[in-house]
Amino acid sequence: MARGDVTRLLLDLEAGKRDVFNVLLAQVYDELRRLAHAQLRNERDGHTLHTTDLVHEAYLKLVDHRQKNWKNRAHFFGVAAQAMRRILVDYARSKSTKKRSGQRVSLTGAGQAEEMHEASLDTLIELDDALERLAELNERFPRIVECRYFAGLSIEETAEALGISRATVSNDWRLARAWLQRELA
């Protein structure tokens, strides 16, 4: 199915045609898995939220979204990146809260020794907090970071998703990265 067909399905879903739900999922599933895998690649080994779990949670949030004003395929995947970021940050905050209350975070599969690995949870929370601060300076910067870093979208795809020029994405991406590097150092 072509990119335009995904856009058509998104518009049909927005128009209330619930029968396109499964067709849309079939069309976007592989791309959502790629996005989820890319985001989870940055997580620690043994992360208990798996690619499939992240895809399904994000997809359900997306198609049940109260304001489904999908402009196109790129916009959908940009919002998907934002949903995945929120899911991962909520997961990290939940695990961090449990850790502080004396519970251990399991990072290994069944039958293996349990160990602690706090860095990636804390890093994700720090990044999210930094993105919130960055939004106070410029609301567009965190959206670009979500598309580029969390979703792995290209400059062109990010521009399409956000409805801005490639030059703006390129410049803002450079500035946002520099600000984040300084802020997280």
N, C-alpha and C. Protein backbone atom coordinates (compact mmCIF):
# COMPACT_ATOMS: atom_id res chain seq x y z
N MET A 1 0.85 -1.18 0.00
CA MET A 1 0.00 0.00 0.00
C MET A 1 0.89 1.24 0.00
N ALA A 2 0.56 2.19 -0.80
CA ALA A 2 1.36 3.41 -0.94
C ALA A 2 1.15 4.34 0.25
N ARG A 3 2.08 5.30 0.37
CA ARG A 3 1.99 6.27 1.46
C ARG A 3 0.65 6.99 1.46
N GLY A 4 0.15 7.34 0.31
CA GLY A 4 -1.13 8.04 0.20
C GLY A 4 -2.28 7.20 0.71
N ASP A 5 -2.16 5.88 0.58
CA ASP A 5 -3.21 4.99 1.08
C ASP A 5 -3.28 5.02 2.60
N VAL A 6 -2.14 5.13 3.25
CA VAL A 6 -2.13 5.25 4.72
C VAL A 6 -2.81 6.55 5.11
N THR A 7 -2.51 7.62 4.42
CA THR A 7 -3.16 8.90 4.69
C THR A 7 -4.67 8.78 4.52
N ARG A 8 -5.10 8.10 3.45
CA ARG A 8 -6.54 7.91 3.20
C ARG A 8 -7.18 7.13 4.34
N LEU A 9 -6.50 6.07 4.80
CA LEU A 9 -7.04 5.27 5.90
C LEU A 9 -7.12 6.10 7.19
N LEU A 10 -6.14 6.93 7.44
CA LEU A 10 -6.16 7.80 8.62
C LEU A 10 -7.34 8.77 8.56
N LEU A 11 -7.57 9.31 7.37
CA LEU A 11 -8.71 10.23 7.20
C LEU A 11 -10.03 9.49 7.37
N ASP A 12 -10.11 8.25 6.86
CA ASP A 12 -11.32 7.44 7.04
C ASP A 12 -11.57 7.15 8.52
N LEU A 13 -10.53 6.83 9.25
CA LEU A 13 -10.65 6.57 10.68
C LEU A 13 -11.12 7.83 11.40
N GLU A 14 -10.54 8.96 11.02
CA GLU A 14 -10.93 10.24 11.62
C GLU A 14 -12.39 10.55 11.34
N ALA A 15 -12.86 10.12 10.17
CA ALA A 15 -14.25 10.37 9.79
C ALA A 15 -15.22 9.41 10.47
N GLY A 16 -14.69 8.51 11.30
CA GLY A 16 -15.56 7.62 12.05
C GLY A 16 -15.74 6.23 11.45
N LYS A 17 -15.01 5.93 10.41
CA LYS A 17 -15.12 4.61 9.78
C LYS A 17 -14.26 3.62 10.56
N ARG A 18 -14.84 3.00 11.59
CA ARG A 18 -14.10 2.11 12.48
C ARG A 18 -13.66 0.82 11.78
N ASP A 19 -14.25 0.49 10.64
CA ASP A 19 -13.89 -0.74 9.93
C ASP A 19 -12.48 -0.67 9.33
N VAL A 20 -11.88 0.51 9.26
CA VAL A 20 -10.53 0.63 8.70
C VAL A 20 -9.46 0.41 9.76
N PHE A 21 -9.87 0.25 11.02
CA PHE A 21 -8.94 0.08 12.14
C PHE A 21 -7.94 -1.05 11.85
N ASN A 22 -8.41 -2.23 11.52
CA ASN A 22 -7.52 -3.38 11.28
C ASN A 22 -6.71 -3.22 10.00
N VAL A 23 -7.29 -2.62 8.99
CA VAL A 23 -6.57 -2.40 7.74
C VAL A 23 -5.42 -1.42 7.98
N LEU A 24 -5.70 -0.36 8.73
CA LEU A 24 -4.67 0.62 9.06
C LEU A 24 -3.55 -0.02 9.86
N LEU A 25 -3.92 -0.82 10.87
CA LEU A 25 -2.90 -1.48 11.69
C LEU A 25 -1.99 -2.34 10.82
N ALA A 26 -2.56 -3.07 9.89
CA ALA A 26 -1.75 -3.92 9.01
C ALA A 26 -0.79 -3.08 8.17
N GLN A 27 -1.21 -1.89 7.79
CA GLN A 27 -0.38 -1.04 6.94
C GLN A 27 0.74 -0.34 7.70
N VAL A 28 0.50 0.01 8.95
CA VAL A 28 1.49 0.78 9.70
C VAL A 28 2.28 -0.06 10.70
N TYR A 29 1.90 -1.32 10.88
CA TYR A 29 2.49 -2.14 11.94
C TYR A 29 4.00 -2.29 11.80
N ASP A 30 4.48 -2.61 10.63
CA ASP A 30 5.93 -2.80 10.45
C ASP A 30 6.71 -1.53 10.74
N GLU A 31 6.18 -0.40 10.31
CA GLU A 31 6.85 0.88 10.56
C GLU A 31 6.81 1.24 12.05
N LEU A 32 5.69 0.97 12.71
CA LEU A 32 5.61 1.21 14.14
C LEU A 32 6.57 0.29 14.89
N ARG A 33 6.73 -0.94 14.45
CA ARG A 33 7.69 -1.86 15.07
C ARG A 33 9.11 -1.33 14.91
N ARG A 34 9.41 -0.77 13.72
CA ARG A 34 10.73 -0.20 13.50
C ARG A 34 10.98 0.97 14.44
N LEU A 35 9.97 1.83 14.60
CA LEU A 35 10.09 2.97 15.51
C LEU A 35 10.27 2.49 16.95
N ALA A 36 9.46 1.53 17.35
CA ALA A 36 9.54 1.01 18.72
C ALA A 36 10.89 0.35 18.97
N HIS A 37 11.34 -0.42 18.00
CA HIS A 37 12.64 -1.09 18.14
C HIS A 37 13.76 -0.05 18.27
N ALA A 38 13.67 1.01 17.47
CA ALA A 38 14.69 2.06 17.54
C ALA A 38 14.69 2.72 18.91
N GLN A 39 13.51 2.96 19.47
CA GLN A 39 13.44 3.58 20.79
C GLN A 39 13.93 2.64 21.87
N LEU A 40 13.58 1.38 21.77
CA LEU A 40 13.99 0.41 22.80
C LEU A 40 15.47 0.07 22.68
N ARG A 41 16.06 0.30 21.53
CA ARG A 41 17.49 0.06 21.35
C ARG A 41 18.29 0.94 22.31
N ASN A 42 17.73 2.09 22.66
CA ASN A 42 18.39 3.01 23.59
C ASN A 42 18.19 2.61 25.05
N GLU A 43 17.35 1.63 25.29
CA GLU A 43 17.07 1.20 26.66
C GLU A 43 18.06 0.12 27.09
N ARG A 44 18.07 -0.15 28.38
CA ARG A 44 18.97 -1.14 28.93
C ARG A 44 18.58 -2.54 28.47
N ASP A 45 19.52 -3.47 28.53
CA ASP A 45 19.24 -4.87 28.24
C ASP A 45 18.23 -5.38 29.26
N GLY A 46 17.36 -6.26 28.81
CA GLY A 46 16.39 -6.85 29.71
C GLY A 46 15.21 -5.96 30.04
N HIS A 47 15.04 -4.87 29.29
CA HIS A 47 13.91 -3.97 29.51
C HIS A 47 12.65 -4.81 29.44
N THR A 48 11.75 -4.67 30.40
CA THR A 48 10.57 -5.53 30.44
C THR A 48 9.45 -5.07 29.52
N LEU A 49 9.59 -3.91 28.93
CA LEU A 49 8.63 -3.46 27.92
C LEU A 49 9.23 -3.83 26.56
N HIS A 50 8.57 -4.70 25.85
CA HIS A 50 9.10 -5.21 24.59
C HIS A 50 8.55 -4.41 23.40
N THR A 51 9.18 -4.61 22.26
CA THR A 51 8.79 -3.90 21.04
C THR A 51 7.30 -4.04 20.77
N THR A 52 6.80 -5.26 20.80
CA THR A 52 5.39 -5.50 20.50
C THR A 52 4.49 -4.77 21.50
N ASP A 53 4.86 -4.79 22.79
CA ASP A 53 4.08 -4.09 23.80
C ASP A 53 4.02 -2.60 23.50
N LEU A 54 5.17 -2.02 23.17
CA LEU A 54 5.24 -0.59 22.89
C LEU A 54 4.43 -0.24 21.65
N VAL A 55 4.51 -1.07 20.62
CA VAL A 55 3.73 -0.83 19.40
C VAL A 55 2.23 -0.84 19.71
N HIS A 56 1.79 -1.86 20.43
CA HIS A 56 0.36 -1.99 20.71
C HIS A 56 -0.15 -0.87 21.59
N GLU A 57 0.61 -0.51 22.63
CA GLU A 57 0.18 0.61 23.49
C GLU A 57 0.11 1.91 22.70
N ALA A 58 1.13 2.16 21.90
CA ALA A 58 1.15 3.40 21.11
C ALA A 58 0.01 3.43 20.10
N TYR A 59 -0.20 2.32 19.40
CA TYR A 59 -1.26 2.27 18.39
C TYR A 59 -2.63 2.52 19.03
N LEU A 60 -2.88 1.89 20.17
CA LEU A 60 -4.16 2.09 20.83
C LEU A 60 -4.34 3.54 21.26
N LYS A 61 -3.26 4.17 21.72
CA LYS A 61 -3.35 5.60 22.08
C LYS A 61 -3.63 6.44 20.84
N LEU A 62 -3.02 6.08 19.73
CA LEU A 62 -3.16 6.87 18.52
C LEU A 62 -4.57 6.79 17.93
N VAL A 63 -5.10 5.59 17.83
CA VAL A 63 -6.41 5.46 17.18
C VAL A 63 -7.55 5.83 18.12
N ASP A 64 -7.27 5.91 19.43
CA ASP A 64 -8.28 6.32 20.38
C ASP A 64 -8.09 7.79 20.77
N HIS A 65 -7.18 8.43 20.11
CA HIS A 65 -6.86 9.83 20.39
C HIS A 65 -8.10 10.68 20.18
N ARG A 66 -8.37 11.58 21.11
CA ARG A 66 -9.59 12.39 21.05
C ARG A 66 -9.60 13.35 19.86
N GLN A 67 -8.46 13.85 19.50
CA GLN A 67 -8.40 14.78 18.37
C GLN A 67 -7.55 14.15 17.28
N LYS A 68 -8.17 13.34 16.46
CA LYS A 68 -7.45 12.67 15.39
C LYS A 68 -7.49 13.54 14.13
N ASN A 69 -6.64 14.50 14.08
CA ASN A 69 -6.57 15.36 12.91
C ASN A 69 -5.33 14.98 12.12
N TRP A 70 -5.34 13.78 11.59
CA TRP A 70 -4.18 13.29 10.86
C TRP A 70 -4.07 14.01 9.53
N LYS A 71 -2.96 14.69 9.35
CA LYS A 71 -2.73 15.39 8.09
C LYS A 71 -2.26 14.43 7.02
N ASN A 72 -1.40 13.49 7.44
CA ASN A 72 -0.82 12.55 6.49
C ASN A 72 -0.06 11.47 7.25
N ARG A 73 0.55 10.59 6.52
CA ARG A 73 1.31 9.48 7.08
C ARG A 73 2.44 9.97 7.99
N ALA A 74 3.20 10.96 7.53
CA ALA A 74 4.32 11.47 8.31
C ALA A 74 3.84 12.07 9.63
N HIS A 75 2.73 12.78 9.59
CA HIS A 75 2.17 13.36 10.81
C HIS A 75 1.80 12.25 11.79
N PHE A 76 1.19 11.18 11.29
CA PHE A 76 0.83 10.04 12.13
C PHE A 76 2.06 9.46 12.83
N PHE A 77 3.15 9.27 12.07
CA PHE A 77 4.34 8.69 12.67
C PHE A 77 5.05 9.67 13.60
N GLY A 78 4.93 10.95 13.35
CA GLY A 78 5.46 11.94 14.29
C GLY A 78 4.72 11.88 15.62
N VAL A 79 3.40 11.75 15.55
CA VAL A 79 2.60 11.63 16.77
C VAL A 79 2.87 10.27 17.43
N ALA A 80 3.12 9.25 16.62
CA ALA A 80 3.46 7.93 17.16
C ALA A 80 4.74 8.01 17.98
N ALA A 81 5.71 8.75 17.49
CA ALA A 81 6.97 8.92 18.22
C ALA A 81 6.72 9.60 19.56
N GLN A 82 5.85 10.61 19.55
CA GLN A 82 5.53 11.31 20.79
C GLN A 82 4.81 10.36 21.76
N ALA A 83 3.89 9.55 21.25
CA ALA A 83 3.18 8.59 22.11
C ALA A 83 4.16 7.57 22.71
N MET A 84 5.10 7.09 21.90
CA MET A 84 6.08 6.12 22.40
C MET A 84 6.97 6.76 23.47
N ARG A 85 7.34 8.00 23.23
CA ARG A 85 8.15 8.71 24.24
C ARG A 85 7.40 8.78 25.57
N ARG A 86 6.12 9.15 25.51
CA ARG A 86 5.32 9.26 26.73
C ARG A 86 5.20 7.91 27.43
N ILE A 87 4.99 6.84 26.67
CA ILE A 87 4.87 5.50 27.25
C ILE A 87 6.17 5.12 27.94
N LEU A 88 7.30 5.33 27.27
CA LEU A 88 8.59 4.97 27.84
C LEU A 88 8.93 5.81 29.08
N VAL A 89 8.60 7.09 29.03
CA VAL A 89 8.88 7.95 30.18
C VAL A 89 7.98 7.55 31.35
N ASP A 90 6.71 7.29 31.08
CA ASP A 90 5.82 6.84 32.16
C ASP A 90 6.32 5.53 32.75
N TYR A 91 6.77 4.65 31.90
CA TYR A 91 7.33 3.37 32.35
C TYR A 91 8.56 3.60 33.23
N ALA A 92 9.45 4.47 32.77
CA ALA A 92 10.68 4.76 33.53
C ALA A 92 10.35 5.40 34.87
N ARG A 93 9.41 6.34 34.87
CA ARG A 93 9.03 6.99 36.13
C ARG A 93 8.41 5.96 37.10
N SER A 94 7.60 5.07 36.56
CA SER A 94 6.99 4.03 37.39
C SER A 94 8.05 3.13 38.01
N LYS A 95 9.01 2.70 37.20
CA LYS A 95 10.08 1.84 37.70
C LYS A 95 10.95 2.59 38.69
N SER A 96 11.19 3.87 38.42
CA SER A 96 12.01 4.67 39.32
C SER A 96 11.32 4.83 40.68
N THR A 97 10.00 5.03 40.67
CA THR A 97 9.23 5.14 41.91
C THR A 97 9.30 3.84 42.69
N LYS A 98 9.15 2.71 42.01
CA LYS A 98 9.22 1.41 42.67
C LYS A 98 10.61 1.19 43.27
N LYS A 99 11.63 1.62 42.52
CA LYS A 99 13.01 1.46 43.00
C LYS A 99 13.20 2.26 44.29
N ARG A 100 12.70 3.49 44.28
CA ARG A 100 12.87 4.33 45.48
C ARG A 100 12.07 3.79 46.66
N SER A 101 11.01 3.03 46.38
CA SER A 101 10.22 2.48 47.49
C SER A 101 10.76 1.13 47.94
N GLY A 102 11.96 0.78 47.49
CA GLY A 102 12.61 -0.41 47.97
C GLY A 102 12.46 -1.63 47.08
N GLN A 103 11.70 -1.52 45.99
CA GLN A 103 11.55 -2.65 45.08
C GLN A 103 12.66 -2.62 44.05
N ARG A 104 13.10 -3.77 43.64
CA ARG A 104 14.14 -3.86 42.63
C ARG A 104 13.52 -3.92 41.25
N VAL A 105 14.23 -3.40 40.27
CA VAL A 105 13.81 -3.46 38.89
C VAL A 105 14.47 -4.67 38.27
N SER A 106 13.68 -5.60 37.75
CA SER A 106 14.23 -6.79 37.13
C SER A 106 14.71 -6.46 35.73
N LEU A 107 15.94 -6.78 35.46
CA LEU A 107 16.51 -6.48 34.15
C LEU A 107 16.92 -7.73 33.40
N THR A 108 16.58 -8.86 33.92
CA THR A 108 16.99 -10.11 33.29
C THR A 108 15.78 -10.98 33.06
N GLY A 109 15.95 -11.97 32.19
CA GLY A 109 14.87 -12.90 31.90
C GLY A 109 14.71 -13.90 33.02
N ALA A 110 13.71 -14.73 32.91
CA ALA A 110 13.44 -15.74 33.92
C ALA A 110 14.64 -16.67 34.08
N GLY A 111 14.93 -17.01 35.33
CA GLY A 111 16.00 -17.96 35.62
C GLY A 111 17.38 -17.34 35.69
N GLN A 112 17.50 -16.02 35.47
CA GLN A 112 18.81 -15.36 35.54
C GLN A 112 18.86 -14.51 36.79
N ALA A 113 20.08 -14.21 37.23
CA ALA A 113 20.25 -13.38 38.42
C ALA A 113 19.69 -11.99 38.17
N GLU A 114 19.08 -11.43 39.19
CA GLU A 114 18.51 -10.09 39.08
C GLU A 114 19.58 -9.06 39.40
N GLU A 115 19.63 -8.00 38.65
CA GLU A 115 20.61 -6.95 38.89
C GLU A 115 19.97 -5.60 38.68
N MET A 116 20.58 -4.58 39.20
CA MET A 116 20.06 -3.23 39.05
C MET A 116 20.79 -2.50 37.93
N HIS A 117 20.05 -1.74 37.18
CA HIS A 117 20.63 -0.89 36.15
C HIS A 117 19.77 0.36 36.09
N GLU A 118 20.22 1.40 36.75
CA GLU A 118 19.42 2.60 36.90
C GLU A 118 19.70 3.65 35.84
N ALA A 119 20.83 3.57 35.20
CA ALA A 119 21.27 4.65 34.31
C ALA A 119 20.29 4.95 33.20
N SER A 120 19.79 3.93 32.48
CA SER A 120 18.93 4.23 31.34
C SER A 120 17.58 4.77 31.77
N LEU A 121 17.03 4.29 32.91
CA LEU A 121 15.78 4.85 33.41
C LEU A 121 15.97 6.31 33.77
N ASP A 122 17.02 6.59 34.52
CA ASP A 122 17.29 7.96 34.94
C ASP A 122 17.60 8.86 33.75
N THR A 123 18.33 8.34 32.78
CA THR A 123 18.67 9.12 31.58
C THR A 123 17.41 9.49 30.81
N LEU A 124 16.49 8.54 30.66
CA LEU A 124 15.25 8.81 29.94
C LEU A 124 14.44 9.87 30.67
N ILE A 125 14.38 9.78 31.98
CA ILE A 125 13.64 10.78 32.76
C ILE A 125 14.32 12.14 32.65
N GLU A 126 15.65 12.17 32.72
CA GLU A 126 16.38 13.44 32.57
C GLU A 126 16.15 14.05 31.19
N LEU A 127 16.16 13.20 30.15
CA LEU A 127 15.92 13.69 28.80
C LEU A 127 14.51 14.25 28.68
N ASP A 128 13.53 13.56 29.24
CA ASP A 128 12.16 14.06 29.20
C ASP A 128 12.04 15.39 29.92
N ASP A 129 12.65 15.49 31.10
CA ASP A 129 12.62 16.76 31.84
C ASP A 129 13.28 17.88 31.04
N ALA A 130 14.39 17.56 30.38
CA ALA A 130 15.08 18.56 29.56
C ALA A 130 14.22 18.98 28.38
N LEU A 131 13.52 18.03 27.78
CA LEU A 131 12.63 18.36 26.65
C LEU A 131 11.48 19.25 27.11
N GLU A 132 11.01 19.04 28.32
CA GLU A 132 9.96 19.91 28.87
C GLU A 132 10.49 21.34 29.03
N ARG A 133 11.72 21.47 29.53
CA ARG A 133 12.34 22.80 29.67
C ARG A 133 12.59 23.43 28.30
N LEU A 134 13.01 22.61 27.35
CA LEU A 134 13.27 23.10 26.00
C LEU A 134 11.98 23.64 25.37
N ALA A 135 10.86 22.99 25.66
CA ALA A 135 9.57 23.44 25.11
C ALA A 135 9.22 24.84 25.60
N GLU A 136 9.70 25.20 26.78
CA GLU A 136 9.45 26.55 27.30
C GLU A 136 10.18 27.60 26.47
N LEU A 137 11.30 27.21 25.86
CA LEU A 137 12.06 28.13 25.01
C LEU A 137 11.51 28.18 23.60
N ASN A 138 11.16 26.99 23.09
CA ASN A 138 10.65 26.90 21.72
C ASN A 138 9.85 25.60 21.62
N GLU A 139 8.55 25.69 21.42
CA GLU A 139 7.69 24.51 21.39
C GLU A 139 8.01 23.55 20.25
N ARG A 140 8.60 24.05 19.19
CA ARG A 140 8.88 23.21 18.02
C ARG A 140 10.08 22.30 18.25
N PHE A 141 11.06 22.74 19.03
CA PHE A 141 12.28 21.97 19.24
C PHE A 141 12.02 20.55 19.77
N PRO A 142 11.21 20.39 20.84
CA PRO A 142 10.98 19.02 21.32
C PRO A 142 10.26 18.14 20.30
N ARG A 143 9.37 18.72 19.50
CA ARG A 143 8.68 17.93 18.47
C ARG A 143 9.69 17.42 17.44
N ILE A 144 10.67 18.25 17.11
CA ILE A 144 11.70 17.84 16.17
C ILE A 144 12.55 16.74 16.78
N VAL A 145 12.90 16.88 18.06
CA VAL A 145 13.69 15.85 18.74
C VAL A 145 12.91 14.53 18.76
N GLU A 146 11.62 14.60 19.04
CA GLU A 146 10.79 13.38 19.06
C GLU A 146 10.81 12.69 17.70
N CYS A 147 10.64 13.47 16.65
CA CYS A 147 10.62 12.89 15.31
C CYS A 147 11.98 12.32 14.93
N ARG A 148 13.03 13.09 15.17
CA ARG A 148 14.37 12.67 14.74
C ARG A 148 14.95 11.60 15.65
N TYR A 149 14.93 11.82 16.96
CA TYR A 149 15.60 10.92 17.91
C TYR A 149 14.72 9.72 18.25
N PHE A 150 13.49 9.99 18.65
CA PHE A 150 12.63 8.90 19.11
C PHE A 150 12.05 8.10 17.95
N ALA A 151 11.67 8.76 16.86
CA ALA A 151 11.06 8.03 15.75
C ALA A 151 12.05 7.70 14.65
N GLY A 152 13.20 8.35 14.64
CA GLY A 152 14.18 8.08 13.60
C GLY A 152 13.76 8.60 12.24
N LEU A 153 12.90 9.60 12.22
CA LEU A 153 12.47 10.17 10.94
C LEU A 153 13.60 11.00 10.34
N SER A 154 13.63 11.05 9.03
CA SER A 154 14.62 11.86 8.33
C SER A 154 14.24 13.33 8.45
N ILE A 155 15.14 14.20 8.01
CA ILE A 155 14.85 15.64 7.98
C ILE A 155 13.59 15.89 7.15
N GLU A 156 13.50 15.25 5.99
CA GLU A 156 12.35 15.43 5.10
C GLU A 156 11.06 14.94 5.74
N GLU A 157 11.11 13.75 6.36
CA GLU A 157 9.92 13.19 7.01
C GLU A 157 9.49 14.05 8.19
N THR A 158 10.45 14.57 8.93
CA THR A 158 10.14 15.44 10.07
C THR A 158 9.48 16.72 9.57
N ALA A 159 10.02 17.28 8.50
CA ALA A 159 9.43 18.50 7.93
C ALA A 159 7.99 18.25 7.51
N GLU A 160 7.76 17.11 6.87
CA GLU A 160 6.41 16.76 6.43
C GLU A 160 5.49 16.55 7.63
N ALA A 161 5.98 15.85 8.65
CA ALA A 161 5.16 15.56 9.83
C ALA A 161 4.76 16.84 10.57
N LEU A 162 5.66 17.80 10.62
CA LEU A 162 5.40 19.02 11.38
C LEU A 162 4.90 20.18 10.51
N GLY A 163 4.90 19.99 9.21
CA GLY A 163 4.41 21.03 8.31
C GLY A 163 5.32 22.24 8.26
N ILE A 164 6.64 21.99 8.30
CA ILE A 164 7.61 23.08 8.22
C ILE A 164 8.65 22.73 7.16
N SER A 165 9.52 23.67 6.86
CA SER A 165 10.51 23.44 5.81
C SER A 165 11.65 22.54 6.30
N ARG A 166 12.33 21.92 5.35
CA ARG A 166 13.50 21.09 5.67
C ARG A 166 14.60 21.93 6.31
N ALA A 167 14.77 23.15 5.82
CA ALA A 167 15.81 24.04 6.37
C ALA A 167 15.51 24.37 7.83
N THR A 168 14.25 24.60 8.15
CA THR A 168 13.87 24.89 9.54
C THR A 168 14.15 23.68 10.42
N VAL A 169 13.78 22.48 9.94
CA VAL A 169 14.06 21.27 10.71
C VAL A 169 15.55 21.11 10.93
N SER A 170 16.33 21.28 9.89
CA SER A 170 17.77 21.11 9.99
C SER A 170 18.38 22.08 11.00
N ASN A 171 18.01 23.34 10.90
CA ASN A 171 18.53 24.36 11.82
C ASN A 171 18.07 24.11 13.25
N ASP A 172 16.78 23.84 13.42
CA ASP A 172 16.23 23.61 14.76
C ASP A 172 16.79 22.34 15.38
N TRP A 173 17.01 21.31 14.58
CA TRP A 173 17.58 20.05 15.07
C TRP A 173 18.99 20.30 15.61
N ARG A 174 19.76 21.07 14.86
CA ARG A 174 21.13 21.40 15.29
C ARG A 174 21.10 22.18 16.61
N LEU A 175 20.24 23.17 16.71
CA LEU A 175 20.14 23.99 17.92
C LEU A 175 19.62 23.18 19.11
N ALA A 176 18.60 22.36 18.87
CA ALA A 176 18.02 21.55 19.95
C ALA A 176 19.04 20.54 20.48
N ARG A 177 19.78 19.91 19.58
CA ARG A 177 20.81 18.95 20.01
C ARG A 177 21.88 19.63 20.84
N ALA A 178 22.33 20.80 20.39
CA ALA A 178 23.36 21.53 21.13
C ALA A 178 22.84 21.92 22.52
N TRP A 179 21.61 22.40 22.58
CA TRP A 179 21.03 22.80 23.86
C TRP A 179 20.91 21.58 24.78
N LEU A 180 20.44 20.46 24.25
CA LEU A 180 20.28 19.25 25.06
C LEU A 180 21.64 18.71 25.54
N GLN A 181 22.64 18.74 24.67
CA GLN A 181 23.97 18.28 25.07
C GLN A 181 24.50 19.11 26.22
N ARG A 182 24.33 20.42 26.13
CA ARG A 182 24.78 21.30 27.21
C ARG A 182 23.96 21.05 28.48
N GLU A 183 22.68 20.91 28.32
CA GLU A 183 21.78 20.75 29.46
C GLU A 183 22.00 19.41 30.17
N LEU A 184 22.29 18.38 29.42
CA LEU A 184 22.44 17.04 29.99
C LEU A 184 23.88 16.71 30.39
N ALA A 185 24.81 17.60 30.08
CA ALA A 185 26.22 17.34 30.41
C ALA A 185 26.47 17.38 31.90
